[in-house]
Amino acid sequence: MIKPGVVHGLKEQDNFLTLYIAAIDNEKKSYQAEGFSYTILLPGFVQILDAEKNGLTISKTTLEGKAYQKIERSLDAKKVQARCLKAAYGIDQTLWYRVDEKKVPTAAQLLRITLNYQGKPV
């Protein structure tokens, strides 16, 4: 599942992006709790805070010829099992960031969020 969007943020302060990973349809028993992760492509002007502390892996990439960051994180298998496979509660993830005002373009830049299972989009 790939979801596009646009990122906004207030300059000179911490901002946050909240992700909600909904219940996962597993009627066919295609999924195990282990192996889920998410990937976010964020514009280069976004500075993720506390990345290492929150288990995020960040690498540089490009999207449509523009500088982006690829943020990846594995989801806790116990939480996936309890909140996404056995129940419909889902999981919330919050990413804190700042914007680098020297790099903010005048036109909005996209962000892209992908839910992955064993490294492939769901």
PDB file of N, CA and C in Angstrom:
ATOM      1  N   MET A   1       0.848  -1.161   0.000  1.00  0.00           N
ATOM      2  CA  MET A   1       0.000   0.000   0.000  1.00  0.00           C
ATOM      3  C   MET A   1       0.898   1.229   0.000  1.00  0.00           C
ATOM      4  N   ILE A   2       0.755   2.053  -0.994  1.00  0.00           N
ATOM      5  CA  ILE A   2       1.533   3.279  -1.110  1.00  0.00           C
ATOM      6  C   ILE A   2       0.562   4.452  -1.053  1.00  0.00           C
ATOM      7  N   LYS A   3       0.831   5.370  -0.133  1.00  0.00           N
ATOM      8  CA  LYS A   3      -0.027   6.546   0.035  1.00  0.00           C
ATOM      9  C   LYS A   3       0.794   7.806  -0.210  1.00  0.00           C
ATOM     10  N   PRO A   4       0.339   8.683  -1.098  1.00  0.00           N
ATOM     11  CA  PRO A   4       1.032   9.954  -1.299  1.00  0.00           C
ATOM     12  C   PRO A   4       0.447  11.032  -0.393  1.00  0.00           C
ATOM     13  N   GLY A   5       1.169  12.112  -0.245  1.00  0.00           N
ATOM     14  CA  GLY A   5       0.693  13.236   0.542  1.00  0.00           C
ATOM     15  C   GLY A   5       1.635  14.411   0.368  1.00  0.00           C
ATOM     16  N   VAL A   6       1.452  15.442   1.169  1.00  0.00           N
ATOM     17  CA  VAL A   6       2.301  16.628   1.146  1.00  0.00           C
ATOM     18  C   VAL A   6       2.711  16.906   2.578  1.00  0.00           C
ATOM     19  N   VAL A   7       3.955  17.318   2.774  1.00  0.00           N
ATOM     20  CA  VAL A   7       4.432  17.619   4.123  1.00  0.00           C
ATOM     21  C   VAL A   7       4.458  19.132   4.322  1.00  0.00           C
ATOM     22  N   HIS A   8       4.014  19.552   5.495  1.00  0.00           N
ATOM     23  CA  HIS A   8       4.046  20.960   5.900  1.00  0.00           C
ATOM     24  C   HIS A   8       4.707  21.019   7.263  1.00  0.00           C
ATOM     25  N   GLY A   9       5.229  22.147   7.623  1.00  0.00           N
ATOM     26  CA  GLY A   9       5.810  22.302   8.950  1.00  0.00           C
ATOM     27  C   GLY A   9       6.046  23.766   9.250  1.00  0.00           C
ATOM     28  N   LEU A  10       5.992  24.107  10.511  1.00  0.00           N
ATOM     29  CA  LEU A  10       6.264  25.468  10.947  1.00  0.00           C
ATOM     30  C   LEU A  10       7.758  25.637  11.155  1.00  0.00           C
ATOM     31  N   LYS A  11       8.293  26.708  10.660  1.00  0.00           N
ATOM     32  CA  LYS A  11       9.721  26.974  10.799  1.00  0.00           C
ATOM     33  C   LYS A  11      10.066  27.268  12.252  1.00  0.00           C
ATOM     34  N   GLU A  12      11.279  26.916  12.629  1.00  0.00           N
ATOM     35  CA  GLU A  12      11.839  27.205  13.950  1.00  0.00           C
ATOM     36  C   GLU A  12      11.111  26.513  15.095  1.00  0.00           C
ATOM     37  N   GLN A  13      10.458  25.401  14.821  1.00  0.00           N
ATOM     38  CA  GLN A  13       9.862  24.624  15.910  1.00  0.00           C
ATOM     39  C   GLN A  13       9.750  23.170  15.504  1.00  0.00           C
ATOM     40  N   ASP A  14       9.574  22.305  16.492  1.00  0.00           N
ATOM     41  CA  ASP A  14       9.396  20.880  16.220  1.00  0.00           C
ATOM     42  C   ASP A  14       7.991  20.653  15.676  1.00  0.00           C
ATOM     43  N   ASN A  15       7.895  19.793  14.673  1.00  0.00           N
ATOM     44  CA  ASN A  15       6.629  19.406  14.050  1.00  0.00           C
ATOM     45  C   ASN A  15       6.528  17.895  14.133  1.00  0.00           C
ATOM     46  N   PHE A  16       5.357  17.348  13.902  1.00  0.00           N
ATOM     47  CA  PHE A  16       5.248  15.900  13.912  1.00  0.00           C
ATOM     48  C   PHE A  16       4.354  15.393  12.808  1.00  0.00           C
ATOM     49  N   LEU A  17       4.626  14.168  12.424  1.00  0.00           N
ATOM     50  CA  LEU A  17       3.859  13.453  11.426  1.00  0.00           C
ATOM     51  C   LEU A  17       3.405  12.165  12.109  1.00  0.00           C
ATOM     52  N   THR A  18       2.100  11.940  12.156  1.00  0.00           N
ATOM     53  CA  THR A  18       1.573  10.735  12.781  1.00  0.00           C
ATOM     54  C   THR A  18       1.073   9.786  11.707  1.00  0.00           C
ATOM     55  N   LEU A  19       1.541   8.556  11.787  1.00  0.00           N
ATOM     56  CA  LEU A  19       1.113   7.509  10.862  1.00  0.00           C
ATOM     57  C   LEU A  19       0.188   6.571  11.612  1.00  0.00           C
ATOM     58  N   TYR A  20      -0.858   6.144  10.959  1.00  0.00           N
ATOM     59  CA  TYR A  20      -1.745   5.152  11.546  1.00  0.00           C
ATOM     60  C   TYR A  20      -1.736   3.937  10.634  1.00  0.00           C
ATOM     61  N   ILE A  21      -1.277   2.821  11.159  1.00  0.00           N
ATOM     62  CA  ILE A  21      -1.277   1.564  10.416  1.00  0.00           C
ATOM     63  C   ILE A  21      -2.511   0.796  10.874  1.00  0.00           C
ATOM     64  N   ALA A  22      -3.451   0.640   9.975  1.00  0.00           N
ATOM     65  CA  ALA A  22      -4.751   0.036  10.298  1.00  0.00           C
ATOM     66  C   ALA A  22      -4.646  -1.477  10.449  1.00  0.00           C
ATOM     67  N   ALA A  23      -5.761  -2.084  10.849  1.00  0.00           N
ATOM     68  CA  ALA A  23      -5.837  -3.541  10.921  1.00  0.00           C
ATOM     69  C   ALA A  23      -5.508  -4.123   9.549  1.00  0.00           C
ATOM     70  N   ILE A  24      -4.906  -5.291   9.545  1.00  0.00           N
ATOM     71  CA  ILE A  24      -4.469  -5.922   8.309  1.00  0.00           C
ATOM     72  C   ILE A  24      -5.378  -7.111   8.013  1.00  0.00           C
ATOM     73  N   ASP A  25      -5.953  -7.120   6.826  1.00  0.00           N
ATOM     74  CA  ASP A  25      -6.828  -8.222   6.407  1.00  0.00           C
ATOM     75  C   ASP A  25      -5.970  -9.468   6.211  1.00  0.00           C
ATOM     76  N   ASN A  26      -6.162 -10.442   7.069  1.00  0.00           N
ATOM     77  CA  ASN A  26      -5.354 -11.658   7.012  1.00  0.00           C
ATOM     78  C   ASN A  26      -6.243 -12.902   6.968  1.00  0.00           C
ATOM     79  N   GLU A  27      -7.395 -12.782   6.332  1.00  0.00           N
ATOM     80  CA  GLU A  27      -8.308 -13.935   6.234  1.00  0.00           C
ATOM     81  C   GLU A  27      -7.652 -15.126   5.556  1.00  0.00           C
ATOM     82  N   LYS A  28      -6.801 -14.870   4.596  1.00  0.00           N
ATOM     83  CA  LYS A  28      -6.134 -15.949   3.860  1.00  0.00           C
ATOM     84  C   LYS A  28      -4.874 -16.441   4.566  1.00  0.00           C
ATOM     85  N   LYS A  29      -4.591 -15.872   5.740  1.00  0.00           N
ATOM     86  CA  LYS A  29      -3.403 -16.246   6.523  1.00  0.00           C
ATOM     87  C   LYS A  29      -2.117 -16.058   5.709  1.00  0.00           C
ATOM     88  N   SER A  30      -2.063 -14.971   4.959  1.00  0.00           N
ATOM     89  CA  SER A  30      -0.904 -14.657   4.121  1.00  0.00           C
ATOM     90  C   SER A  30       0.239 -14.026   4.898  1.00  0.00           C
ATOM     91  N   TYR A  31      -0.068 -13.475   6.068  1.00  0.00           N
ATOM     92  CA  TYR A  31       0.928 -12.713   6.811  1.00  0.00           C
ATOM     93  C   TYR A  31       1.212 -13.320   8.180  1.00  0.00           C
ATOM     94  N   GLN A  32       2.460 -13.153   8.600  1.00  0.00           N
ATOM     95  CA  GLN A  32       2.890 -13.427   9.971  1.00  0.00           C
ATOM     96  C   GLN A  32       3.180 -12.068  10.599  1.00  0.00           C
ATOM     97  N   ALA A  33       3.254 -12.005  11.901  1.00  0.00           N
ATOM     98  CA  ALA A  33       3.481 -10.722  12.575  1.00  0.00           C
ATOM     99  C   ALA A  33       4.873 -10.159  12.284  1.00  0.00           C
ATOM    100  N   GLU A  34       5.859 -11.034  12.090  1.00  0.00           N
ATOM    101  CA  GLU A  34       7.217 -10.588  11.804  1.00  0.00           C
ATOM    102  C   GLU A  34       7.321 -10.173  10.337  1.00  0.00           C
ATOM    103  N   GLY A  35       8.081  -9.142  10.076  1.00  0.00           N
ATOM    104  CA  GLY A  35       8.361  -8.760   8.696  1.00  0.00           C
ATOM    105  C   GLY A  35       7.663  -7.513   8.198  1.00  0.00           C
ATOM    106  N   PHE A  36       6.859  -6.858   9.047  1.00  0.00           N
ATOM    107  CA  PHE A  36       6.216  -5.618   8.615  1.00  0.00           C
ATOM    108  C   PHE A  36       7.126  -4.424   8.911  1.00  0.00           C
ATOM    109  N   SER A  37       7.118  -3.479   7.991  1.00  0.00           N
ATOM    110  CA  SER A  37       7.883  -2.246   8.155  1.00  0.00           C
ATOM    111  C   SER A  37       7.186  -1.150   7.355  1.00  0.00           C
ATOM    112  N   TYR A  38       7.655   0.065   7.523  1.00  0.00           N
ATOM    113  CA  TYR A  38       7.154   1.139   6.678  1.00  0.00           C
ATOM    114  C   TYR A  38       8.332   1.931   6.143  1.00  0.00           C
ATOM    115  N   THR A  39       8.099   2.556   5.007  1.00  0.00           N
ATOM    116  CA  THR A  39       9.075   3.419   4.363  1.00  0.00           C
ATOM    117  C   THR A  39       8.391   4.744   4.065  1.00  0.00           C
ATOM    118  N   ILE A  40       9.085   5.826   4.354  1.00  0.00           N
ATOM    119  CA  ILE A  40       8.565   7.159   4.050  1.00  0.00           C
ATOM    120  C   ILE A  40       9.605   7.895   3.225  1.00  0.00           C
ATOM    121  N   LEU A  41       9.183   8.467   2.130  1.00  0.00           N
ATOM    122  CA  LEU A  41      10.042   9.361   1.366  1.00  0.00           C
ATOM    123  C   LEU A  41       9.647  10.777   1.730  1.00  0.00           C
ATOM    124  N   LEU A  42      10.597  11.524   2.295  1.00  0.00           N
ATOM    125  CA  LEU A  42      10.356  12.899   2.716  1.00  0.00           C
ATOM    126  C   LEU A  42      11.296  13.843   1.978  1.00  0.00           C
ATOM    127  N   PRO A  43      10.828  15.058   1.664  1.00  0.00           N
ATOM    128  CA  PRO A  43      11.690  16.033   0.994  1.00  0.00           C
ATOM    129  C   PRO A  43      12.960  16.310   1.803  1.00  0.00           C
ATOM    130  N   GLY A  44      13.986  16.748   1.103  1.00  0.00           N
ATOM    131  CA  GLY A  44      15.280  17.005   1.729  1.00  0.00           C
ATOM    132  C   GLY A  44      15.283  18.089   2.785  1.00  0.00           C
ATOM    133  N   PHE A  45      14.299  18.977   2.789  1.00  0.00           N
ATOM    134  CA  PHE A  45      14.281  20.057   3.788  1.00  0.00           C
ATOM    135  C   PHE A  45      13.757  19.598   5.149  1.00  0.00           C
ATOM    136  N   VAL A  46      13.294  18.358   5.239  1.00  0.00           N
ATOM    137  CA  VAL A  46      12.784  17.816   6.501  1.00  0.00           C
ATOM    138  C   VAL A  46      13.931  17.175   7.276  1.00  0.00           C
ATOM    139  N   GLN A  47      14.103  17.575   8.520  1.00  0.00           N
ATOM    140  CA  GLN A  47      15.136  17.007   9.387  1.00  0.00           C
ATOM    141  C   GLN A  47      14.453  16.167  10.470  1.00  0.00           C
ATOM    142  N   ILE A  48      14.613  14.850  10.395  1.00  0.00           N
ATOM    143  CA  ILE A  48      14.001  13.950  11.367  1.00  0.00           C
ATOM    144  C   ILE A  48      14.751  14.058  12.691  1.00  0.00           C
ATOM    145  N   LEU A  49      14.018  14.170  13.775  1.00  0.00           N
ATOM    146  CA  LEU A  49      14.605  14.273  15.113  1.00  0.00           C
ATOM    147  C   LEU A  49      14.630  12.895  15.785  1.00  0.00           C
ATOM    148  N   ASP A  50      15.637  12.625  16.562  1.00  0.00           N
ATOM    149  CA  ASP A  50      15.763  11.389  17.347  1.00  0.00           C
ATOM    150  C   ASP A  50      15.625  10.129  16.496  1.00  0.00           C
ATOM    151  N   ALA A  51      16.191  10.138  15.310  1.00  0.00           N
ATOM    152  CA  ALA A  51      16.053   9.002  14.390  1.00  0.00           C
ATOM    153  C   ALA A  51      16.633   7.723  14.974  1.00  0.00           C
ATOM    154  N   GLU A  52      17.841   7.781  15.452  1.00  0.00           N
ATOM    155  CA  GLU A  52      18.495   6.573  15.976  1.00  0.00           C
ATOM    156  C   GLU A  52      17.761   6.042  17.211  1.00  0.00           C
ATOM    157  N   LYS A  53      17.365   6.932  18.090  1.00  0.00           N
ATOM    158  CA  LYS A  53      16.643   6.561  19.314  1.00  0.00           C
ATOM    159  C   LYS A  53      15.333   5.834  18.992  1.00  0.00           C
ATOM    160  N   ASN A  54      14.704   6.198  17.867  1.00  0.00           N
ATOM    161  CA  ASN A  54      13.420   5.618  17.485  1.00  0.00           C
ATOM    162  C   ASN A  54      13.528   4.480  16.477  1.00  0.00           C
ATOM    163  N   GLY A  55      14.748   3.995  16.254  1.00  0.00           N
ATOM    164  CA  GLY A  55      14.935   2.847  15.376  1.00  0.00           C
ATOM    165  C   GLY A  55      14.720   3.137  13.899  1.00  0.00           C
ATOM    166  N   LEU A  56      14.941   4.371  13.492  1.00  0.00           N
ATOM    167  CA  LEU A  56      14.759   4.747  12.093  1.00  0.00           C
ATOM    168  C   LEU A  56      16.078   4.648  11.337  1.00  0.00           C
ATOM    169  N   THR A  57      16.006   4.169  10.120  1.00  0.00           N
ATOM    170  CA  THR A  57      17.152   4.159   9.220  1.00  0.00           C
ATOM    171  C   THR A  57      16.884   5.213   8.163  1.00  0.00           C
ATOM    172  N   ILE A  58      17.835   6.127   7.959  1.00  0.00           N
ATOM    173  CA  ILE A  58      17.645   7.212   7.001  1.00  0.00           C
ATOM    174  C   ILE A  58      18.745   7.153   5.953  1.00  0.00           C
ATOM    175  N   SER A  59      18.340   7.233   4.697  1.00  0.00           N
ATOM    176  CA  SER A  59      19.298   7.289   3.597  1.00  0.00           C
ATOM    177  C   SER A  59      18.841   8.349   2.601  1.00  0.00           C
ATOM    178  N   LYS A  60      19.766   8.823   1.786  1.00  0.00           N
ATOM    179  CA  LYS A  60      19.434   9.835   0.778  1.00  0.00           C
ATOM    180  C   LYS A  60      18.989   9.150  -0.504  1.00  0.00           C
ATOM    181  N   THR A  61      18.037   9.772  -1.186  1.00  0.00           N
ATOM    182  CA  THR A  61      17.535   9.251  -2.447  1.00  0.00           C
ATOM    183  C   THR A  61      16.968  10.421  -3.249  1.00  0.00           C
ATOM    184  N   THR A  62      16.396  10.149  -4.404  1.00  0.00           N
ATOM    185  CA  THR A  62      15.736  11.184  -5.195  1.00  0.00           C
ATOM    186  C   THR A  62      14.339  10.705  -5.588  1.00  0.00           C
ATOM    187  N   LEU A  63      13.450  11.643  -5.788  1.00  0.00           N
ATOM    188  CA  LEU A  63      12.098  11.381  -6.267  1.00  0.00           C
ATOM    189  C   LEU A  63      11.764  12.489  -7.258  1.00  0.00           C
ATOM    190  N   GLU A  64      11.448  12.098  -8.473  1.00  0.00           N
ATOM    191  CA  GLU A  64      11.137  13.062  -9.531  1.00  0.00           C
ATOM    192  C   GLU A  64      12.234  14.120  -9.667  1.00  0.00           C
ATOM    193  N   GLY A  65      13.483  13.690  -9.541  1.00  0.00           N
ATOM    194  CA  GLY A  65      14.634  14.568  -9.721  1.00  0.00           C
ATOM    195  C   GLY A  65      14.961  15.480  -8.555  1.00  0.00           C
ATOM    196  N   LYS A  66      14.269  15.318  -7.418  1.00  0.00           N
ATOM    197  CA  LYS A  66      14.500  16.171  -6.252  1.00  0.00           C
ATOM    198  C   LYS A  66      15.108  15.352  -5.123  1.00  0.00           C
ATOM    199  N   ALA A  67      15.893  16.025  -4.266  1.00  0.00           N
ATOM    200  CA  ALA A  67      16.534  15.363  -3.124  1.00  0.00           C
ATOM    201  C   ALA A  67      15.491  14.953  -2.091  1.00  0.00           C
ATOM    202  N   TYR A  68      15.540  13.695  -1.692  1.00  0.00           N
ATOM    203  CA  TYR A  68      14.627  13.147  -0.693  1.00  0.00           C
ATOM    204  C   TYR A  68      15.397  12.322   0.316  1.00  0.00           C
ATOM    205  N   GLN A  69      14.730  12.031   1.404  1.00  0.00           N
ATOM    206  CA  GLN A  69      15.246  11.119   2.410  1.00  0.00           C
ATOM    207  C   GLN A  69      14.338   9.901   2.448  1.00  0.00           C
ATOM    208  N   LYS A  70      14.940   8.755   2.568  1.00  0.00           N
ATOM    209  CA  LYS A  70      14.174   7.511   2.706  1.00  0.00           C
ATOM    210  C   LYS A  70      14.293   7.086   4.166  1.00  0.00           C
ATOM    211  N   ILE A  71      13.169   7.087   4.860  1.00  0.00           N
ATOM    212  CA  ILE A  71      13.116   6.712   6.269  1.00  0.00           C
ATOM    213  C   ILE A  71      12.466   5.340   6.347  1.00  0.00           C
ATOM    214  N   GLU A  72      13.128   4.410   7.042  1.00  0.00           N
ATOM    215  CA  GLU A  72      12.602   3.056   7.175  1.00  0.00           C
ATOM    216  C   GLU A  72      12.578   2.651   8.643  1.00  0.00           C
ATOM    217  N   ARG A  73      11.552   1.869   8.982  1.00  0.00           N
ATOM    218  CA  ARG A  73      11.454   1.352  10.351  1.00  0.00           C
ATOM    219  C   ARG A  73      10.680   0.047  10.340  1.00  0.00           C
ATOM    220  N   SER A  74      11.203  -0.929  11.070  1.00  0.00           N
ATOM    221  CA  SER A  74      10.497  -2.196  11.261  1.00  0.00           C
ATOM    222  C   SER A  74       9.457  -2.013  12.346  1.00  0.00           C
ATOM    223  N   LEU A  75       8.336  -2.682  12.198  1.00  0.00           N
ATOM    224  CA  LEU A  75       7.283  -2.630  13.218  1.00  0.00           C
ATOM    225  C   LEU A  75       7.458  -3.783  14.191  1.00  0.00           C
ATOM    226  N   ASP A  76       7.175  -3.523  15.443  1.00  0.00           N
ATOM    227  CA  ASP A  76       7.288  -4.534  16.486  1.00  0.00           C
ATOM    228  C   ASP A  76       6.294  -5.669  16.227  1.00  0.00           C
ATOM    229  N   ALA A  77       6.804  -6.890  16.120  1.00  0.00           N
ATOM    230  CA  ALA A  77       5.969  -8.048  15.780  1.00  0.00           C
ATOM    231  C   ALA A  77       4.861  -8.282  16.808  1.00  0.00           C
ATOM    232  N   LYS A  78       5.149  -8.068  18.088  1.00  0.00           N
ATOM    233  CA  LYS A  78       4.120  -8.278  19.121  1.00  0.00           C
ATOM    234  C   LYS A  78       2.973  -7.280  18.962  1.00  0.00           C
ATOM    235  N   LYS A  79       3.314  -6.035  18.651  1.00  0.00           N
ATOM    236  CA  LYS A  79       2.269  -5.027  18.439  1.00  0.00           C
ATOM    237  C   LYS A  79       1.460  -5.335  17.183  1.00  0.00           C
ATOM    238  N   VAL A  80       2.134  -5.746  16.111  1.00  0.00           N
ATOM    239  CA  VAL A  80       1.437  -6.096  14.878  1.00  0.00           C
ATOM    240  C   VAL A  80       0.463  -7.235  15.138  1.00  0.00           C
ATOM    241  N   GLN A  81       0.929  -8.253  15.848  1.00  0.00           N
ATOM    242  CA  GLN A  81       0.075  -9.403  16.141  1.00  0.00           C
ATOM    243  C   GLN A  81      -1.152  -8.984  16.955  1.00  0.00           C
ATOM    244  N   ALA A  82      -0.912  -8.236  18.029  1.00  0.00           N
ATOM    245  CA  ALA A  82      -1.996  -7.875  18.945  1.00  0.00           C
ATOM    246  C   ALA A  82      -2.938  -6.809  18.381  1.00  0.00           C
ATOM    247  N   ARG A  83      -2.403  -5.848  17.640  1.00  0.00           N
ATOM    248  CA  ARG A  83      -3.211  -4.690  17.261  1.00  0.00           C
ATOM    249  C   ARG A  83      -3.639  -4.661  15.799  1.00  0.00           C
ATOM    250  N   CYS A  84      -2.980  -5.447  14.941  1.00  0.00           N
ATOM    251  CA  CYS A  84      -3.310  -5.403  13.506  1.00  0.00           C
ATOM    252  C   CYS A  84      -3.811  -6.735  12.949  1.00  0.00           C
ATOM    253  N   LEU A  85      -3.343  -7.841  13.483  1.00  0.00           N
ATOM    254  CA  LEU A  85      -3.761  -9.140  12.964  1.00  0.00           C
ATOM    255  C   LEU A  85      -4.876  -9.780  13.789  1.00  0.00           C
ATOM    256  N   LYS A  86      -4.795  -9.658  15.114  1.00  0.00           N
ATOM    257  CA  LYS A  86      -5.819 -10.264  15.977  1.00  0.00           C
ATOM    258  C   LYS A  86      -6.945  -9.300  16.324  1.00  0.00           C
ATOM    259  N   ALA A  87      -6.702  -8.006  16.168  1.00  0.00           N
ATOM    260  CA  ALA A  87      -7.703  -6.991  16.522  1.00  0.00           C
ATOM    261  C   ALA A  87      -7.639  -5.865  15.496  1.00  0.00           C
ATOM    262  N   ALA A  88      -8.580  -4.971  15.573  1.00  0.00           N
ATOM    263  CA  ALA A  88      -8.664  -3.883  14.592  1.00  0.00           C
ATOM    264  C   ALA A  88      -8.237  -2.534  15.175  1.00  0.00           C
ATOM    265  N   TYR A  89      -7.369  -2.555  16.187  1.00  0.00           N
ATOM    266  CA  TYR A  89      -6.949  -1.297  16.803  1.00  0.00           C
ATOM    267  C   TYR A  89      -5.966  -0.519  15.948  1.00  0.00           C
ATOM    268  N   GLY A  90      -5.044  -1.207  15.302  1.00  0.00           N
ATOM    269  CA  GLY A  90      -4.012  -0.555  14.512  1.00  0.00           C
ATOM    270  C   GLY A  90      -2.890  -0.034  15.389  1.00  0.00           C
ATOM    271  N   ILE A  91      -1.900   0.558  14.741  1.00  0.00           N
ATOM    272  CA  ILE A  91      -0.704   1.064  15.420  1.00  0.00           C
ATOM    273  C   ILE A  91      -0.479   2.505  14.991  1.00  0.00           C
ATOM    274  N   ASP A  92      -0.175   3.368  15.968  1.00  0.00           N
ATOM    275  CA  ASP A  92       0.205   4.755  15.691  1.00  0.00           C
ATOM    276  C   ASP A  92       1.722   4.884  15.771  1.00  0.00           C
ATOM    277  N   GLN A  93       2.288   5.629  14.859  1.00  0.00           N
ATOM    278  CA  GLN A  93       3.710   5.944  14.865  1.00  0.00           C
ATOM    279  C   GLN A  93       3.832   7.451  14.696  1.00  0.00           C
ATOM    280  N   THR A  94       4.656   8.090  15.515  1.00  0.00           N
ATOM    281  CA  THR A  94       4.844   9.536  15.427  1.00  0.00           C
ATOM    282  C   THR A  94       6.301   9.835  15.116  1.00  0.00           C
ATOM    283  N   LEU A  95       6.517  10.655  14.108  1.00  0.00           N
ATOM    284  CA  LEU A  95       7.854  11.097  13.732  1.00  0.00           C
ATOM    285  C   LEU A  95       7.942  12.598  13.977  1.00  0.00           C
ATOM    286  N   TRP A  96       8.953  13.002  14.737  1.00  0.00           N
ATOM    287  CA  TRP A  96       9.172  14.425  15.004  1.00  0.00           C
ATOM    288  C   TRP A  96      10.194  14.948  14.021  1.00  0.00           C
ATOM    289  N   TYR A  97       9.963  16.170  13.527  1.00  0.00           N
ATOM    290  CA  TYR A  97      10.879  16.749  12.557  1.00  0.00           C
ATOM    291  C   TYR A  97      10.903  18.270  12.654  1.00  0.00           C
ATOM    292  N   ARG A  98      11.911  18.837  12.009  1.00  0.00           N
ATOM    293  CA  ARG A  98      12.028  20.281  11.824  1.00  0.00           C
ATOM    294  C   ARG A  98      12.214  20.533  10.343  1.00  0.00           C
ATOM    295  N   VAL A  99      11.895  21.726   9.906  1.00  0.00           N
ATOM    296  CA  VAL A  99      12.148  22.092   8.511  1.00  0.00           C
ATOM    297  C   VAL A  99      13.382  22.989   8.457  1.00  0.00           C
ATOM    298  N   ASP A 100      14.217  22.743   7.458  1.00  0.00           N
ATOM    299  CA  ASP A 100      15.388  23.578   7.226  1.00  0.00           C
ATOM    300  C   ASP A 100      14.938  24.724   6.326  1.00  0.00           C
ATOM    301  N   GLU A 101      14.728  25.894   6.927  1.00  0.00           N
ATOM    302  CA  GLU A 101      14.125  27.000   6.170  1.00  0.00           C
ATOM    303  C   GLU A 101      14.966  27.459   4.988  1.00  0.00           C
ATOM    304  N   LYS A 102      16.258  27.144   4.965  1.00  0.00           N
ATOM    305  CA  LYS A 102      17.105  27.527   3.832  1.00  0.00           C
ATOM    306  C   LYS A 102      16.820  26.655   2.610  1.00  0.00           C
ATOM    307  N   LYS A 103      16.227  25.471   2.822  1.00  0.00           N
ATOM    308  CA  LYS A 103      16.008  24.531   1.728  1.00  0.00           C
ATOM    309  C   LYS A 103      14.544  24.388   1.316  1.00  0.00           C
ATOM    310  N   VAL A 104      13.630  25.080   1.973  1.00  0.00           N
ATOM    311  CA  VAL A 104      12.206  24.919   1.680  1.00  0.00           C
ATOM    312  C   VAL A 104      11.882  25.537   0.319  1.00  0.00           C
ATOM    313  N   PRO A 105      11.346  24.735  -0.608  1.00  0.00           N
ATOM    314  CA  PRO A 105      10.987  25.270  -1.923  1.00  0.00           C
ATOM    315  C   PRO A 105       9.662  26.031  -1.858  1.00  0.00           C
ATOM    316  N   THR A 106       9.387  26.812  -2.880  1.00  0.00           N
ATOM    317  CA  THR A 106       8.121  27.554  -2.908  1.00  0.00           C
ATOM    318  C   THR A 106       6.950  26.638  -3.262  1.00  0.00           C
ATOM    319  N   ALA A 107       7.183  25.621  -4.074  1.00  0.00           N
ATOM    320  CA  ALA A 107       6.120  24.669  -4.441  1.00  0.00           C
ATOM    321  C   ALA A 107       6.143  23.482  -3.474  1.00  0.00           C
ATOM    322  N   ALA A 108       4.963  22.978  -3.157  1.00  0.00           N
ATOM    323  CA  ALA A 108       4.857  21.827  -2.244  1.00  0.00           C
ATOM    324  C   ALA A 108       5.544  20.608  -2.854  1.00  0.00           C
ATOM    325  N   GLN A 109       6.204  19.820  -2.003  1.00  0.00           N
ATOM    326  CA  GLN A 109       6.824  18.585  -2.441  1.00  0.00           C
ATOM    327  C   GLN A 109       6.096  17.416  -1.804  1.00  0.00           C
ATOM    328  N   LEU A 110       5.970  16.364  -2.568  1.00  0.00           N
ATOM    329  CA  LEU A 110       5.251  15.178  -2.108  1.00  0.00           C
ATOM    330  C   LEU A 110       6.005  14.412  -1.044  1.00  0.00           C
ATOM    331  N   LEU A 111       5.263  13.644  -0.270  1.00  0.00           N
ATOM    332  CA  LEU A 111       5.830  12.613   0.570  1.00  0.00           C
ATOM    333  C   LEU A 111       5.150  11.322   0.151  1.00  0.00           C
ATOM    334  N   ARG A 112       5.786  10.215   0.418  1.00  0.00           N
ATOM    335  CA  ARG A 112       5.215   8.923   0.031  1.00  0.00           C
ATOM    336  C   ARG A 112       5.442   7.945   1.184  1.00  0.00           C
ATOM    337  N   ILE A 113       4.371   7.281   1.604  1.00  0.00           N
ATOM    338  CA  ILE A 113       4.428   6.326   2.705  1.00  0.00           C
ATOM    339  C   ILE A 113       4.048   4.947   2.165  1.00  0.00           C
ATOM    340  N   THR A 114       4.842   3.950   2.516  1.00  0.00           N
ATOM    341  CA  THR A 114       4.594   2.586   2.045  1.00  0.00           C
ATOM    342  C   THR A 114       4.628   1.627   3.229  1.00  0.00           C
ATOM    343  N   LEU A 115       3.615   0.764   3.316  1.00  0.00           N
ATOM    344  CA  LEU A 115       3.617  -0.322   4.277  1.00  0.00           C
ATOM    345  C   LEU A 115       4.205  -1.534   3.562  1.00  0.00           C
ATOM    346  N   ASN A 116       5.202  -2.155   4.162  1.00  0.00           N
ATOM    347  CA  ASN A 116       5.900  -3.277   3.546  1.00  0.00           C
ATOM    348  C   ASN A 116       5.735  -4.550   4.368  1.00  0.00           C
ATOM    349  N   TYR A 117       5.766  -5.659   3.675  1.00  0.00           N
ATOM    350  CA  TYR A 117       5.831  -6.971   4.332  1.00  0.00           C
ATOM    351  C   TYR A 117       6.975  -7.723   3.685  1.00  0.00           C
ATOM    352  N   GLN A 118       7.942  -8.104   4.494  1.00  0.00           N
ATOM    353  CA  GLN A 118       9.152  -8.784   4.031  1.00  0.00           C
ATOM    354  C   GLN A 118       9.819  -8.000   2.906  1.00  0.00           C
ATOM    355  N   GLY A 119       9.856  -6.675   3.066  1.00  0.00           N
ATOM    356  CA  GLY A 119      10.544  -5.802   2.146  1.00  0.00           C
ATOM    357  C   GLY A 119       9.780  -5.401   0.898  1.00  0.00           C
ATOM    358  N   LYS A 120       8.557  -5.909   0.724  1.00  0.00           N
ATOM    359  CA  LYS A 120       7.772  -5.576  -0.461  1.00  0.00           C
ATOM    360  C   LYS A 120       6.496  -4.858  -0.061  1.00  0.00           C
ATOM    361  N   PRO A 121       6.052  -3.889  -0.884  1.00  0.00           N
ATOM    362  CA  PRO A 121       4.815  -3.164  -0.544  1.00  0.00           C
ATOM    363  C   PRO A 121       3.628  -4.106  -0.408  1.00  0.00           C
ATOM    364  N   VAL A 122       2.788  -3.820   0.583  1.00  0.00           N
ATOM    365  CA  VAL A 122       1.581  -4.619   0.807  1.00  0.00           C
ATOM    366  C   VAL A 122       0.477  -4.103  -0.082  1.00  0.00           C
TER     367      VAL A 122
END
